[in-house]
PDB file of N, CA and C in Angstrom:
ATOM      1  N   MET A   1     114.791 107.531 113.462  1.00  0.00           N
ATOM      2  CA  MET A   1     113.798 106.534 113.091  1.00  0.00           C
ATOM      3  C   MET A   1     114.455 105.163 113.089  1.00  0.00           C
ATOM      4  N   GLU A   2     113.772 104.203 113.635  1.00  0.00           N
ATOM      5  CA  GLU A   2     114.271 102.841 113.607  1.00  0.00           C
ATOM      6  C   GLU A   2     113.745 102.110 112.374  1.00  0.00           C
ATOM      7  N   LEU A   3     114.424 101.030 112.040  1.00  0.00           N
ATOM      8  CA  LEU A   3     114.036 100.257 110.871  1.00  0.00           C
ATOM      9  C   LEU A   3     112.586  99.759 110.976  1.00  0.00           C
ATOM     10  N   GLN A   4     112.185  99.305 112.134  1.00  0.00           N
ATOM     11  CA  GLN A   4     110.810  98.831 112.352  1.00  0.00           C
ATOM     12  C   GLN A   4     109.785  99.929 112.001  1.00  0.00           C
ATOM     13  N   GLN A   5     110.081 101.144 112.384  1.00  0.00           N
ATOM     14  CA  GLN A   5     109.192 102.251 112.080  1.00  0.00           C
ATOM     15  C   GLN A   5     109.093 102.471 110.586  1.00  0.00           C
ATOM     16  N   LEU A   6     110.242 102.455 109.918  1.00  0.00           N
ATOM     17  CA  LEU A   6     110.240 102.623 108.467  1.00  0.00           C
ATOM     18  C   LEU A   6     109.446 101.521 107.768  1.00  0.00           C
ATOM     19  N   ILE A   7     109.604 100.299 108.230  1.00  0.00           N
ATOM     20  CA  ILE A   7     108.856  99.169 107.666  1.00  0.00           C
ATOM     21  C   ILE A   7     107.361  99.378 107.819  1.00  0.00           C
ATOM     22  N   LEU A   8     106.927  99.817 108.999  1.00  0.00           N
ATOM     23  CA  LEU A   8     105.482 100.079 109.215  1.00  0.00           C
ATOM     24  C   LEU A   8     104.947 101.144 108.253  1.00  0.00           C
ATOM     25  N   VAL A   9     105.719 102.205 108.069  1.00  0.00           N
ATOM     26  CA  VAL A   9     105.273 103.300 107.184  1.00  0.00           C
ATOM     27  C   VAL A   9     105.216 102.789 105.727  1.00  0.00           C
ATOM     28  N   ILE A  10     106.251 102.103 105.289  1.00  0.00           N
ATOM     29  CA  ILE A  10     106.251 101.600 103.914  1.00  0.00           C
ATOM     30  C   ILE A  10     105.136 100.608 103.681  1.00  0.00           C
ATOM     31  N   ASP A  11     104.956  99.668 104.599  1.00  0.00           N
ATOM     32  CA  ASP A  11     103.886  98.699 104.458  1.00  0.00           C
ATOM     33  C   ASP A  11     102.496  99.335 104.442  1.00  0.00           C
ATOM     34  N   THR A  12     102.320 100.347 105.308  1.00  0.00           N
ATOM     35  CA  THR A  12     101.030 101.072 105.324  1.00  0.00           C
ATOM     36  C   THR A  12     100.797 101.775 104.016  1.00  0.00           C
ATOM     37  N   ALA A  13     101.799 102.479 103.526  1.00  0.00           N
ATOM     38  CA  ALA A  13     101.657 103.208 102.250  1.00  0.00           C
ATOM     39  C   ALA A  13     101.375 102.217 101.112  1.00  0.00           C
ATOM     40  N   ARG A  14     102.104 101.157 101.033  1.00  0.00           N
ATOM     41  CA  ARG A  14     101.914 100.180  99.967  1.00  0.00           C
ATOM     42  C   ARG A  14     100.506  99.586 100.039  1.00  0.00           C
ATOM     43  N   ASN A  15     100.053  99.251 101.254  1.00  0.00           N
ATOM     44  CA  ASN A  15      98.733  98.655 101.398  1.00  0.00           C
ATOM     45  C   ASN A  15      97.670  99.629 100.962  1.00  0.00           C
ATOM     46  N   LEU A  16      97.678 100.833 101.507  1.00  0.00           N
ATOM     47  CA  LEU A  16      96.626 101.811 101.205  1.00  0.00           C
ATOM     48  C   LEU A  16      96.666 102.263  99.740  1.00  0.00           C
ATOM     49  N   GLU A  17      97.829 102.538  99.241  1.00  0.00           N
ATOM     50  CA  GLU A  17      97.902 103.010  97.846  1.00  0.00           C
ATOM     51  C   GLU A  17      97.628 101.850  96.865  1.00  0.00           C
ATOM     52  N   GLY A  18      98.093 100.652  97.224  1.00  0.00           N
ATOM     53  CA  GLY A  18      97.782  99.501  96.370  1.00  0.00           C
ATOM     54  C   GLY A  18      96.299  99.195  96.351  1.00  0.00           C
ATOM     55  N   LEU A  19      95.679  99.350  97.480  1.00  0.00           N
ATOM     56  CA  LEU A  19      94.218  99.147  97.571  1.00  0.00           C
ATOM     57  C   LEU A  19      93.493 100.162  96.713  1.00  0.00           C
ATOM     58  N   ARG A  20      93.928 101.400  96.782  1.00  0.00           N
ATOM     59  CA  ARG A  20      93.326 102.452  95.937  1.00  0.00           C
ATOM     60  C   ARG A  20      93.467 102.091  94.449  1.00  0.00           C
ATOM     61  N   ARG A  21      94.665 101.709  94.058  1.00  0.00           N
ATOM     62  CA  ARG A  21      94.876 101.370  92.648  1.00  0.00           C
ATOM     63  C   ARG A  21      94.024 100.156  92.229  1.00  0.00           C
ATOM     64  N   ASP A  22      93.941  99.154  93.105  1.00  0.00           N
ATOM     65  CA  ASP A  22      93.121  97.973  92.789  1.00  0.00           C
ATOM     66  C   ASP A  22      91.642  98.323  92.655  1.00  0.00           C
ATOM     67  N   MET A  23      91.160  99.158  93.546  1.00  0.00           N
ATOM     68  CA  MET A  23      89.743  99.550  93.485  1.00  0.00           C
ATOM     69  C   MET A  23      89.447 100.267  92.176  1.00  0.00           C
ATOM     70  N   ILE A  24      90.348 101.157  91.787  1.00  0.00           N
ATOM     71  CA  ILE A  24      90.131 101.914  90.529  1.00  0.00           C
ATOM     72  C   ILE A  24      90.233 101.002  89.321  1.00  0.00           C
ATOM     73  N   ALA A  25      91.299 100.190  89.280  1.00  0.00           N
ATOM     74  CA  ALA A  25      91.483  99.296  88.132  1.00  0.00           C
ATOM     75  C   ALA A  25      90.337  98.273  88.024  1.00  0.00           C
ATOM     76  N   ASN A  26      89.886  97.761  89.156  1.00  0.00           N
ATOM     77  CA  ASN A  26      88.795  96.783  89.112  1.00  0.00           C
ATOM     78  C   ASN A  26      87.497  97.440  88.697  1.00  0.00           C
ATOM     79  N   ALA A  27      87.211  98.646  89.143  1.00  0.00           N
ATOM     80  CA  ALA A  27      86.011  99.329  88.695  1.00  0.00           C
ATOM     81  C   ALA A  27      86.021  99.521  87.173  1.00  0.00           C
ATOM     82  N   GLU A  28      87.183  99.864  86.646  1.00  0.00           N
ATOM     83  CA  GLU A  28      87.291  99.982  85.189  1.00  0.00           C
ATOM     84  C   GLU A  28      87.076  98.635  84.514  1.00  0.00           C
ATOM     85  N   ASP A  29      87.624  97.577  85.123  1.00  0.00           N
ATOM     86  CA  ASP A  29      87.430  96.247  84.560  1.00  0.00           C
ATOM     87  C   ASP A  29      85.975  95.804  84.572  1.00  0.00           C
ATOM     88  N   TYR A  30      85.235  96.126  85.634  1.00  0.00           N
ATOM     89  CA  TYR A  30      83.820  95.776  85.723  1.00  0.00           C
ATOM     90  C   TYR A  30      83.065  96.440  84.571  1.00  0.00           C
ATOM     91  N   LYS A  31      83.376  97.674  84.285  1.00  0.00           N
ATOM     92  CA  LYS A  31      82.709  98.359  83.176  1.00  0.00           C
ATOM     93  C   LYS A  31      83.020  97.694  81.844  1.00  0.00           C
ATOM     94  N   THR A  32      84.252  97.250  81.692  1.00  0.00           N
ATOM     95  CA  THR A  32      84.648  96.559  80.467  1.00  0.00           C
ATOM     96  C   THR A  32      83.908  95.236  80.338  1.00  0.00           C
ATOM     97  N   LEU A  33      83.778  94.508  81.451  1.00  0.00           N
ATOM     98  CA  LEU A  33      83.042  93.217  81.397  1.00  0.00           C
ATOM     99  C   LEU A  33      81.581  93.444  81.050  1.00  0.00           C
ATOM    100  N   VAL A  34      80.966  94.484  81.582  1.00  0.00           N
ATOM    101  CA  VAL A  34      79.585  94.795  81.251  1.00  0.00           C
ATOM    102  C   VAL A  34      79.473  95.155  79.758  1.00  0.00           C
ATOM    103  N   ALA A  35      80.396  95.967  79.276  1.00  0.00           N
ATOM    104  CA  ALA A  35      80.397  96.359  77.862  1.00  0.00           C
ATOM    105  C   ALA A  35      80.553  95.168  76.944  1.00  0.00           C
ATOM    106  N   ARG A  36      81.284  94.147  77.386  1.00  0.00           N
ATOM    107  CA  ARG A  36      81.463  92.935  76.581  1.00  0.00           C
ATOM    108  C   ARG A  36      80.295  91.965  76.773  1.00  0.00           C
ATOM    109  N   GLU A  37      79.299  92.398  77.565  1.00  0.00           N
ATOM    110  CA  GLU A  37      78.110  91.604  77.824  1.00  0.00           C
ATOM    111  C   GLU A  37      78.401  90.255  78.496  1.00  0.00           C
ATOM    112  N   GLU A  38      79.378  90.268  79.430  1.00  0.00           N
ATOM    113  CA  GLU A  38      79.666  89.101  80.237  1.00  0.00           C
ATOM    114  C   GLU A  38      78.478  88.860  81.184  1.00  0.00           C
ATOM    115  N   ASP A  39      78.401  87.665  81.732  1.00  0.00           N
ATOM    116  CA  ASP A  39      77.306  87.327  82.641  1.00  0.00           C
ATOM    117  C   ASP A  39      77.339  88.215  83.891  1.00  0.00           C
ATOM    118  N   THR A  40      76.233  88.898  84.130  1.00  0.00           N
ATOM    119  CA  THR A  40      76.201  89.876  85.227  1.00  0.00           C
ATOM    120  C   THR A  40      76.242  89.198  86.590  1.00  0.00           C
ATOM    121  N   THR A  41      75.774  87.971  86.685  1.00  0.00           N
ATOM    122  CA  THR A  41      75.893  87.244  87.954  1.00  0.00           C
ATOM    123  C   THR A  41      77.359  87.010  88.288  1.00  0.00           C
ATOM    124  N   ARG A  42      78.109  86.633  87.283  1.00  0.00           N
ATOM    125  CA  ARG A  42      79.559  86.397  87.464  1.00  0.00           C
ATOM    126  C   ARG A  42      80.257  87.713  87.832  1.00  0.00           C
ATOM    127  N   ILE A  43      79.896  88.806  87.190  1.00  0.00           N
ATOM    128  CA  ILE A  43      80.518  90.101  87.490  1.00  0.00           C
ATOM    129  C   ILE A  43      80.188  90.511  88.912  1.00  0.00           C
ATOM    130  N   ARG A  44      78.926  90.356  89.293  1.00  0.00           N
ATOM    131  CA  ARG A  44      78.511  90.707  90.659  1.00  0.00           C
ATOM    132  C   ARG A  44      79.302  89.862  91.685  1.00  0.00           C
ATOM    133  N   GLU A  45      79.444  88.589  91.445  1.00  0.00           N
ATOM    134  CA  GLU A  45      80.226  87.726  92.361  1.00  0.00           C
ATOM    135  C   GLU A  45      81.665  88.167  92.428  1.00  0.00           C
ATOM    136  N   LEU A  46      82.225  88.571  91.317  1.00  0.00           N
ATOM    137  CA  LEU A  46      83.603  89.066  91.259  1.00  0.00           C
ATOM    138  C   LEU A  46      83.732  90.352  92.093  1.00  0.00           C
ATOM    139  N   ILE A  47      82.773  91.267  91.936  1.00  0.00           N
ATOM    140  CA  ILE A  47      82.784  92.530  92.669  1.00  0.00           C
ATOM    141  C   ILE A  47      82.721  92.237  94.157  1.00  0.00           C
ATOM    142  N   LEU A  48      81.846  91.384  94.587  1.00  0.00           N
ATOM    143  CA  LEU A  48      81.666  91.072  96.007  1.00  0.00           C
ATOM    144  C   LEU A  48      82.895  90.353  96.549  1.00  0.00           C
ATOM    145  N   ALA A  49      83.482  89.451  95.785  1.00  0.00           N
ATOM    146  CA  ALA A  49      84.688  88.755  96.242  1.00  0.00           C
ATOM    147  C   ALA A  49      85.842  89.761  96.379  1.00  0.00           C
ATOM    148  N   ASN A  50      86.006  90.630  95.414  1.00  0.00           N
ATOM    149  CA  ASN A  50      87.050  91.660  95.519  1.00  0.00           C
ATOM    150  C   ASN A  50      86.822  92.574  96.717  1.00  0.00           C
ATOM    151  N   ASN A  51      85.554  92.890  96.958  1.00  0.00           N
ATOM    152  CA  ASN A  51      85.243  93.772  98.078  1.00  0.00           C
ATOM    153  C   ASN A  51      85.606  93.125  99.416  1.00  0.00           C
ATOM    154  N   GLU A  52      85.412  91.821  99.511  1.00  0.00           N
ATOM    155  CA  GLU A  52      85.833  91.115 100.727  1.00  0.00           C
ATOM    156  C   GLU A  52      87.328  91.194 100.919  1.00  0.00           C
ATOM    157  N   GLN A  53      88.073  91.083  99.835  1.00  0.00           N
ATOM    158  CA  GLN A  53      89.539  91.218  99.922  1.00  0.00           C
ATOM    159  C   GLN A  53      89.947  92.624 100.333  1.00  0.00           C
ATOM    160  N   TYR A  54      89.232  93.618  99.811  1.00  0.00           N
ATOM    161  CA  TYR A  54      89.516  95.017 100.186  1.00  0.00           C
ATOM    162  C   TYR A  54      89.335  95.181 101.705  1.00  0.00           C
ATOM    163  N   LYS A  55      88.264  94.602 102.229  1.00  0.00           N
ATOM    164  CA  LYS A  55      87.989  94.744 103.663  1.00  0.00           C
ATOM    165  C   LYS A  55      89.062  94.046 104.493  1.00  0.00           C
ATOM    166  N   LYS A  56      89.587  92.943 104.038  1.00  0.00           N
ATOM    167  CA  LYS A  56      90.682  92.275 104.741  1.00  0.00           C
ATOM    168  C   LYS A  56      91.910  93.181 104.772  1.00  0.00           C
ATOM    169  N   ARG A  57      92.196  93.819 103.670  1.00  0.00           N
ATOM    170  CA  ARG A  57      93.372  94.676 103.622  1.00  0.00           C
ATOM    171  C   ARG A  57      93.171  95.911 104.495  1.00  0.00           C
ATOM    172  N   LEU A  58      91.988  96.428 104.578  1.00  0.00           N
ATOM    173  CA  LEU A  58      91.714  97.544 105.469  1.00  0.00           C
ATOM    174  C   LEU A  58      91.823  97.109 106.936  1.00  0.00           C
ATOM    175  N   LYS A  59      91.421  95.894 107.217  1.00  0.00           N
ATOM    176  CA  LYS A  59      91.504  95.378 108.593  1.00  0.00           C
ATOM    177  C   LYS A  59      92.933  95.344 109.060  1.00  0.00           C
ATOM    178  N   TRP A  60      93.860  95.092 108.164  1.00  0.00           N
ATOM    179  CA  TRP A  60      95.294  95.086 108.554  1.00  0.00           C
ATOM    180  C   TRP A  60      95.653  96.444 109.171  1.00  0.00           C
ATOM    181  N   ILE A  61      95.190  97.519 108.536  1.00  0.00           N
ATOM    182  CA  ILE A  61      95.492  98.868 109.039  1.00  0.00           C
ATOM    183  C   ILE A  61      94.772  99.097 110.349  1.00  0.00           C
ATOM    184  N   LYS A  62      93.515  98.723 110.437  1.00  0.00           N
ATOM    185  CA  LYS A  62      92.744  98.891 111.673  1.00  0.00           C
ATOM    186  C   LYS A  62      93.387  98.135 112.810  1.00  0.00           C
ATOM    187  N   ASP A  63      93.786  96.866 112.564  1.00  0.00           N
ATOM    188  CA  ASP A  63      94.437  96.096 113.596  1.00  0.00           C
ATOM    189  C   ASP A  63      95.756  96.684 114.032  1.00  0.00           C
ATOM    190  N   LEU A  64      96.510  97.178 113.112  1.00  0.00           N
ATOM    191  CA  LEU A  64      97.769  97.836 113.454  1.00  0.00           C
ATOM    192  C   LEU A  64      97.523  99.043 114.335  1.00  0.00           C
ATOM    193  N   TYR A  65      96.559  99.843 113.947  1.00  0.00           N
ATOM    194  CA  TYR A  65      96.224 101.052 114.749  1.00  0.00           C
ATOM    195  C   TYR A  65      95.677 100.655 116.121  1.00  0.00           C
ATOM    196  N   ASP A  66      94.763  99.715 116.148  1.00  0.00           N
ATOM    197  CA  ASP A  66      94.128  99.341 117.407  1.00  0.00           C
ATOM    198  C   ASP A  66      95.129  98.679 118.381  1.00  0.00           C
ATOM    199  N   ASN A  67      96.040  97.859 117.840  1.00  0.00           N
ATOM    200  CA  ASN A  67      96.905  97.072 118.694  1.00  0.00           C
ATOM    201  C   ASN A  67      98.303  97.669 118.950  1.00  0.00           C
ATOM    202  N   HIS A  68      98.688  98.618 118.111  1.00  0.00           N
ATOM    203  CA  HIS A  68     100.037  99.204 118.210  1.00  0.00           C
ATOM    204  C   HIS A  68      99.989 100.700 117.917  1.00  0.00           C
ATOM    205  N   GLN A  69      99.006 101.356 118.477  1.00  0.00           N
ATOM    206  CA  GLN A  69      98.771 102.766 118.142  1.00  0.00           C
ATOM    207  C   GLN A  69      99.995 103.643 118.371  1.00  0.00           C
ATOM    208  N   ALA A  70     100.685 103.468 119.483  1.00  0.00           N
ATOM    209  CA  ALA A  70     101.809 104.341 119.808  1.00  0.00           C
ATOM    210  C   ALA A  70     102.939 104.244 118.776  1.00  0.00           C
ATOM    211  N   ILE A  71     103.364 103.010 118.448  1.00  0.00           N
ATOM    212  CA  ILE A  71     104.450 102.880 117.476  1.00  0.00           C
ATOM    213  C   ILE A  71     103.976 103.249 116.084  1.00  0.00           C
ATOM    214  N   PHE A  72     102.725 102.920 115.752  1.00  0.00           N
ATOM    215  CA  PHE A  72     102.184 103.268 114.456  1.00  0.00           C
ATOM    216  C   PHE A  72     102.165 104.795 114.281  1.00  0.00           C
ATOM    217  N   THR A  73     101.661 105.482 115.257  1.00  0.00           N
ATOM    218  CA  THR A  73     101.573 106.941 115.203  1.00  0.00           C
ATOM    219  C   THR A  73     102.979 107.553 115.151  1.00  0.00           C
ATOM    220  N   SER A  74     103.852 107.108 116.014  1.00  0.00           N
ATOM    221  CA  SER A  74     105.220 107.683 116.043  1.00  0.00           C
ATOM    222  C   SER A  74     105.978 107.369 114.771  1.00  0.00           C
ATOM    223  N   SER A  75     105.732 106.227 114.175  1.00  0.00           N
ATOM    224  CA  SER A  75     106.411 105.895 112.918  1.00  0.00           C
ATOM    225  C   SER A  75     105.954 106.817 111.806  1.00  0.00           C
ATOM    226  N   LEU A  76     104.687 107.051 111.715  1.00  0.00           N
ATOM    227  CA  LEU A  76     104.163 107.972 110.696  1.00  0.00           C
ATOM    228  C   LEU A  76     104.724 109.379 110.931  1.00  0.00           C
ATOM    229  N   GLU A  77     104.660 109.821 112.186  1.00  0.00           N
ATOM    230  CA  GLU A  77     105.101 111.173 112.496  1.00  0.00           C
ATOM    231  C   GLU A  77     106.576 111.365 112.223  1.00  0.00           C
ATOM    232  N   ALA A  78     107.365 110.334 112.402  1.00  0.00           N
ATOM    233  CA  ALA A  78     108.805 110.403 112.096  1.00  0.00           C
ATOM    234  C   ALA A  78     109.050 110.678 110.628  1.00  0.00           C
ATOM    235  N   MET A  79     108.078 110.331 109.801  1.00  0.00           N
ATOM    236  CA  MET A  79     108.184 110.596 108.350  1.00  0.00           C
ATOM    237  C   MET A  79     107.392 111.854 107.948  1.00  0.00           C
ATOM    238  N   GLY A  80     106.859 112.564 108.940  1.00  0.00           N
ATOM    239  CA  GLY A  80     106.104 113.783 108.638  1.00  0.00           C
ATOM    240  C   GLY A  80     104.675 113.515 108.218  1.00  0.00           C
ATOM    241  N   ILE A  81     104.139 112.359 108.551  1.00  0.00           N
ATOM    242  CA  ILE A  81     102.765 111.989 108.177  1.00  0.00           C
ATOM    243  C   ILE A  81     101.962 111.924 109.447  1.00  0.00           C
ATOM    244  N   THR A  82     100.793 112.558 109.466  1.00  0.00           N
ATOM    245  CA  THR A  82      99.967 112.499 110.650  1.00  0.00           C
ATOM    246  C   THR A  82      99.070 111.268 110.634  1.00  0.00           C
ATOM    247  N   ILE A  83      98.726 110.816 111.823  1.00  0.00           N
ATOM    248  CA  ILE A  83      97.785 109.713 111.929  1.00  0.00           C
ATOM    249  C   ILE A  83      96.429 110.119 111.410  1.00  0.00           C
ATOM    250  N   THR A  84      96.090 111.418 111.585  1.00  0.00           N
ATOM    251  CA  THR A  84      94.809 111.909 111.092  1.00  0.00           C
ATOM    252  C   THR A  84      94.721 111.780 109.577  1.00  0.00           C
ATOM    253  N   HIS A  85      95.818 112.105 108.892  1.00  0.00           N
ATOM    254  CA  HIS A  85      95.818 111.988 107.431  1.00  0.00           C
ATOM    255  C   HIS A  85      95.699 110.506 107.014  1.00  0.00           C
ATOM    256  N   THR A  86      96.450 109.653 107.681  1.00  0.00           N
ATOM    257  CA  THR A  86      96.412 108.212 107.362  1.00  0.00           C
ATOM    258  C   THR A  86      95.020 107.644 107.583  1.00  0.00           C
ATOM    259  N   LEU A  87      94.412 108.012 108.684  1.00  0.00           N
ATOM    260  CA  LEU A  87      93.070 107.496 108.987  1.00  0.00           C
ATOM    261  C   LEU A  87      92.018 108.065 108.031  1.00  0.00           C
ATOM    262  N   SER A  88      92.258 109.279 107.496  1.00  0.00           N
ATOM    263  CA  SER A  88      91.311 109.818 106.533  1.00  0.00           C
ATOM    264  C   SER A  88      91.385 109.022 105.211  1.00  0.00           C
ATOM    265  N   ILE A  89      92.581 108.584 104.847  1.00  0.00           N
ATOM    266  CA  ILE A  89      92.698 107.720 103.681  1.00  0.00           C
ATOM    267  C   ILE A  89      92.017 106.382 103.954  1.00  0.00           C
ATOM    268  N   TYR A  90      92.240 105.830 105.102  1.00  0.00           N
ATOM    269  CA  TYR A  90      91.572 104.600 105.507  1.00  0.00           C
ATOM    270  C   TYR A  90      90.055 104.746 105.396  1.00  0.00           C
ATOM    271  N   GLN A  91      89.527 105.842 105.929  1.00  0.00           N
ATOM    272  CA  GLN A  91      88.066 106.064 105.864  1.00  0.00           C
ATOM    273  C   GLN A  91      87.546 106.237 104.453  1.00  0.00           C
ATOM    274  N   GLU A  92      88.347 106.895 103.633  1.00  0.00           N
ATOM    275  CA  GLU A  92      87.965 107.062 102.205  1.00  0.00           C
ATOM    276  C   GLU A  92      87.823 105.688 101.531  1.00  0.00           C
ATOM    277  N   LEU A  93      88.773 104.819 101.749  1.00  0.00           N
ATOM    278  CA  LEU A  93      88.724 103.503 101.148  1.00  0.00           C
ATOM    279  C   LEU A  93      87.635 102.620 101.772  1.00  0.00           C
ATOM    280  N   LYS A  94      87.463 102.760 103.082  1.00  0.00           N
ATOM    281  CA  LYS A  94      86.412 102.006 103.766  1.00  0.00           C
ATOM    282  C   LYS A  94      85.032 102.397 103.234  1.00  0.00           C
ATOM    283  N   ALA A  95      84.847 103.680 102.908  1.00  0.00           N
ATOM    284  CA  ALA A  95      83.578 104.147 102.355  1.00  0.00           C
ATOM    285  C   ALA A  95      83.253 103.443 101.034  1.00  0.00           C
ATOM    286  N   ILE A  96      84.273 103.149 100.276  1.00  0.00           N
ATOM    287  CA  ILE A  96      84.078 102.425  99.004  1.00  0.00           C
ATOM    288  C   ILE A  96      83.560 101.025  99.297  1.00  0.00           C
ATOM    289  N   THR A  97      84.189 100.351 100.270  1.00  0.00           N
ATOM    290  CA  THR A  97      83.705  98.975 100.593  1.00  0.00           C
ATOM    291  C   THR A  97      82.299  98.984 101.135  1.00  0.00           C
ATOM    292  N   GLU A  98      81.978  99.984 101.938  1.00  0.00           N
ATOM    293  CA  GLU A  98      80.641 100.063 102.497  1.00  0.00           C
ATOM    294  C   GLU A  98      79.604 100.345 101.406  1.00  0.00           C
ATOM    295  N   ALA A  99      79.936 101.228 100.474  1.00  0.00           N
ATOM    296  CA  ALA A  99      79.009 101.501  99.359  1.00  0.00           C
ATOM    297  C   ALA A  99      78.822 100.268  98.498  1.00  0.00           C
ATOM    298  N   THR A 100      79.893  99.509  98.301  1.00  0.00           N
ATOM    299  CA  THR A 100      79.798  98.296  97.491  1.00  0.00           C
ATOM    300  C   THR A 100      78.938  97.245  98.190  1.00  0.00           C
ATOM    301  N   ASP A 101      79.041  97.181  99.502  1.00  0.00           N
ATOM    302  CA  ASP A 101      78.214  96.233 100.279  1.00  0.00           C
ATOM    303  C   ASP A 101      76.709  96.491 100.040  1.00  0.00           C
ATOM    304  N   THR A 102      76.334  97.723  99.844  1.00  0.00           N
ATOM    305  CA  THR A 102      74.921  98.073  99.730  1.00  0.00           C
ATOM    306  C   THR A 102      74.470  98.412  98.307  1.00  0.00           C
ATOM    307  N   ALA A 103      75.412  98.365  97.353  1.00  0.00           N
ATOM    308  CA  ALA A 103      75.091  98.736  95.974  1.00  0.00           C
ATOM    309  C   ALA A 103      74.152  97.690  95.338  1.00  0.00           C
ATOM    310  N   ASP A 104      73.282  98.166  94.524  1.00  0.00           N
ATOM    311  CA  ASP A 104      72.404  97.306  93.711  1.00  0.00           C
ATOM    312  C   ASP A 104      73.214  96.896  92.485  1.00  0.00           C
ATOM    313  N   LEU A 105      73.594  95.650  92.400  1.00  0.00           N
ATOM    314  CA  LEU A 105      74.374  95.135  91.280  1.00  0.00           C
ATOM    315  C   LEU A 105      73.567  94.168  90.433  1.00  0.00           C
ATOM    316  N   GLY A 106      72.268  94.453  90.321  1.00  0.00           N
ATOM    317  CA  GLY A 106      71.333  93.508  89.712  1.00  0.00           C
ATOM    318  C   GLY A 106      71.417  93.366  88.207  1.00  0.00           C
ATOM    319  N   ASN A 107      72.010  94.300  87.527  1.00  0.00           N
ATOM    320  CA  ASN A 107      72.129  94.182  86.063  1.00  0.00           C
ATOM    321  C   ASN A 107      73.332  94.995  85.594  1.00  0.00           C
ATOM    322  N   GLY A 108      73.622  94.908  84.318  1.00  0.00           N
ATOM    323  CA  GLY A 108      74.792  95.610  83.783  1.00  0.00           C
ATOM    324  C   GLY A 108      74.783  97.107  83.984  1.00  0.00           C
ATOM    325  N   THR A 109      73.623  97.714  83.820  1.00  0.00           N
ATOM    326  CA  THR A 109      73.508  99.169  84.011  1.00  0.00           C
ATOM    327  C   THR A 109      73.839  99.553  85.438  1.00  0.00           C
ATOM    328  N   LYS A 110      73.323  98.777  86.375  1.00  0.00           N
ATOM    329  CA  LYS A 110      73.557  99.072  87.789  1.00  0.00           C
ATOM    330  C   LYS A 110      75.027  98.805  88.173  1.00  0.00           C
ATOM    331  N   ILE A 111      75.618  97.785  87.610  1.00  0.00           N
ATOM    332  CA  ILE A 111      77.032  97.523  87.845  1.00  0.00           C
ATOM    333  C   ILE A 111      77.883  98.679  87.327  1.00  0.00           C
ATOM    334  N   THR A 112      77.551  99.141  86.120  1.00  0.00           N
ATOM    335  CA  THR A 112      78.282 100.300  85.530  1.00  0.00           C
ATOM    336  C   THR A 112      78.123 101.529  86.410  1.00  0.00           C
ATOM    337  N   THR A 113      76.910 101.748  86.912  1.00  0.00           N
ATOM    338  CA  THR A 113      76.647 102.892  87.802  1.00  0.00           C
ATOM    339  C   THR A 113      77.475 102.786  89.072  1.00  0.00           C
ATOM    340  N   ALA A 114      77.543 101.602  89.660  1.00  0.00           N
ATOM    341  CA  ALA A 114      78.322 101.399  90.867  1.00  0.00           C
ATOM    342  C   ALA A 114      79.825 101.615  90.568  1.00  0.00           C
ATOM    343  N   ALA A 115      80.294 101.108  89.454  1.00  0.00           N
ATOM    344  CA  ALA A 115      81.689 101.274  89.085  1.00  0.00           C
ATOM    345  C   ALA A 115      82.023 102.767  88.856  1.00  0.00           C
ATOM    346  N   ASP A 116      81.127 103.445  88.180  1.00  0.00           N
ATOM    347  CA  ASP A 116      81.302 104.876  87.953  1.00  0.00           C
ATOM    348  C   ASP A 116      81.344 105.635  89.279  1.00  0.00           C
ATOM    349  N   TRP A 117      80.534 105.220  90.239  1.00  0.00           N
ATOM    350  CA  TRP A 117      80.519 105.867  91.550  1.00  0.00           C
ATOM    351  C   TRP A 117      81.879 105.738  92.192  1.00  0.00           C
ATOM    352  N   VAL A 118      82.452 104.549  92.124  1.00  0.00           N
ATOM    353  CA  VAL A 118      83.805 104.329  92.688  1.00  0.00           C
ATOM    354  C   VAL A 118      84.797 105.254  91.987  1.00  0.00           C
ATOM    355  N   LEU A 119      84.783 105.259  90.663  1.00  0.00           N
ATOM    356  CA  LEU A 119      85.728 106.082  89.897  1.00  0.00           C
ATOM    357  C   LEU A 119      85.557 107.567  90.174  1.00  0.00           C
ATOM    358  N   ASN A 120      84.345 108.001  90.429  1.00  0.00           N
ATOM    359  CA  ASN A 120      84.094 109.420  90.693  1.00  0.00           C
ATOM    360  C   ASN A 120      84.399 109.828  92.153  1.00  0.00           C
ATOM    361  N   ASN A 121      84.475 108.840  93.038  1.00  0.00           N
ATOM    362  CA  ASN A 121      84.638 109.149  94.460  1.00  0.00           C
ATOM    363  C   ASN A 121      85.984 108.713  95.014  1.00  0.00           C
ATOM    364  N   LEU A 122      86.835 108.191  94.157  1.00  0.00           N
ATOM    365  CA  LEU A 122      88.136 107.741  94.606  1.00  0.00           C
ATOM    366  C   LEU A 122      89.197 108.311  93.647  1.00  0.00           C
ATOM    367  N   ALA A 123      89.921 109.305  94.111  1.00  0.00           N
ATOM    368  CA  ALA A 123      90.927 109.956  93.288  1.00  0.00           C
ATOM    369  C   ALA A 123      92.135 109.050  93.116  1.00  0.00           C
ATOM    370  N   SER A 124      92.669 108.975  91.934  1.00  0.00           N
ATOM    371  CA  SER A 124      93.913 108.272  91.720  1.00  0.00           C
ATOM    372  C   SER A 124      95.049 109.221  92.082  1.00  0.00           C
ATOM    373  N   HIS A 125      96.140 108.661  92.570  1.00  0.00           N
ATOM    374  CA  HIS A 125      97.287 109.468  92.943  1.00  0.00           C
ATOM    375  C   HIS A 125      98.421 109.250  91.967  1.00  0.00           C
ATOM    376  N   LEU A 126      99.247 110.211  91.822  1.00  0.00           N
ATOM    377  CA  LEU A 126     100.441 110.106  90.997  1.00  0.00           C
ATOM    378  C   LEU A 126     101.384 109.099  91.657  1.00  0.00           C
ATOM    379  N   THR A 127     101.763 108.079  90.928  1.00  0.00           N
ATOM    380  CA  THR A 127     102.691 107.076  91.464  1.00  0.00           C
ATOM    381  C   THR A 127     103.722 106.733  90.410  1.00  0.00           C
ATOM    382  N   VAL A 128     104.696 105.984  90.805  1.00  0.00           N
ATOM    383  CA  VAL A 128     105.722 105.524  89.877  1.00  0.00           C
ATOM    384  C   VAL A 128     105.129 104.548  88.878  1.00  0.00           C
ATOM    385  N   TRP A 129     104.168 103.743  89.346  1.00  0.00           N
ATOM    386  CA  TRP A 129     103.599 102.713  88.481  1.00  0.00           C
ATOM    387  C   TRP A 129     102.418 103.235  87.766  1.00  0.00           C
TER     388      TRP A 129
END
């Protein structure tokens, strides 16, 4: 394995796992903001702004795959990771952004329901942090 391959794998893992952690932590934060009776318009704006950032981070993976598929795939495989597994994680996270795009965030109850949906549909992984 070359250094470039290792860097691609590490960056991909950090991006996808960091995104997962951010989605979970932010969903928990949205519930806390609702419980504190913060302004729901502000919470909704925060959710949508965060979702746009999630989509940017997912685009990094899509662009890497679309533009450098051979080295991306070989780099993962050199570490014993399949592209199929990596893309399934990508799809799992993308589903969260798509659900958020269409979620009804009109009041605190609906925001809590949307946050609970994220928490119920996105498993946290054991990590060092």
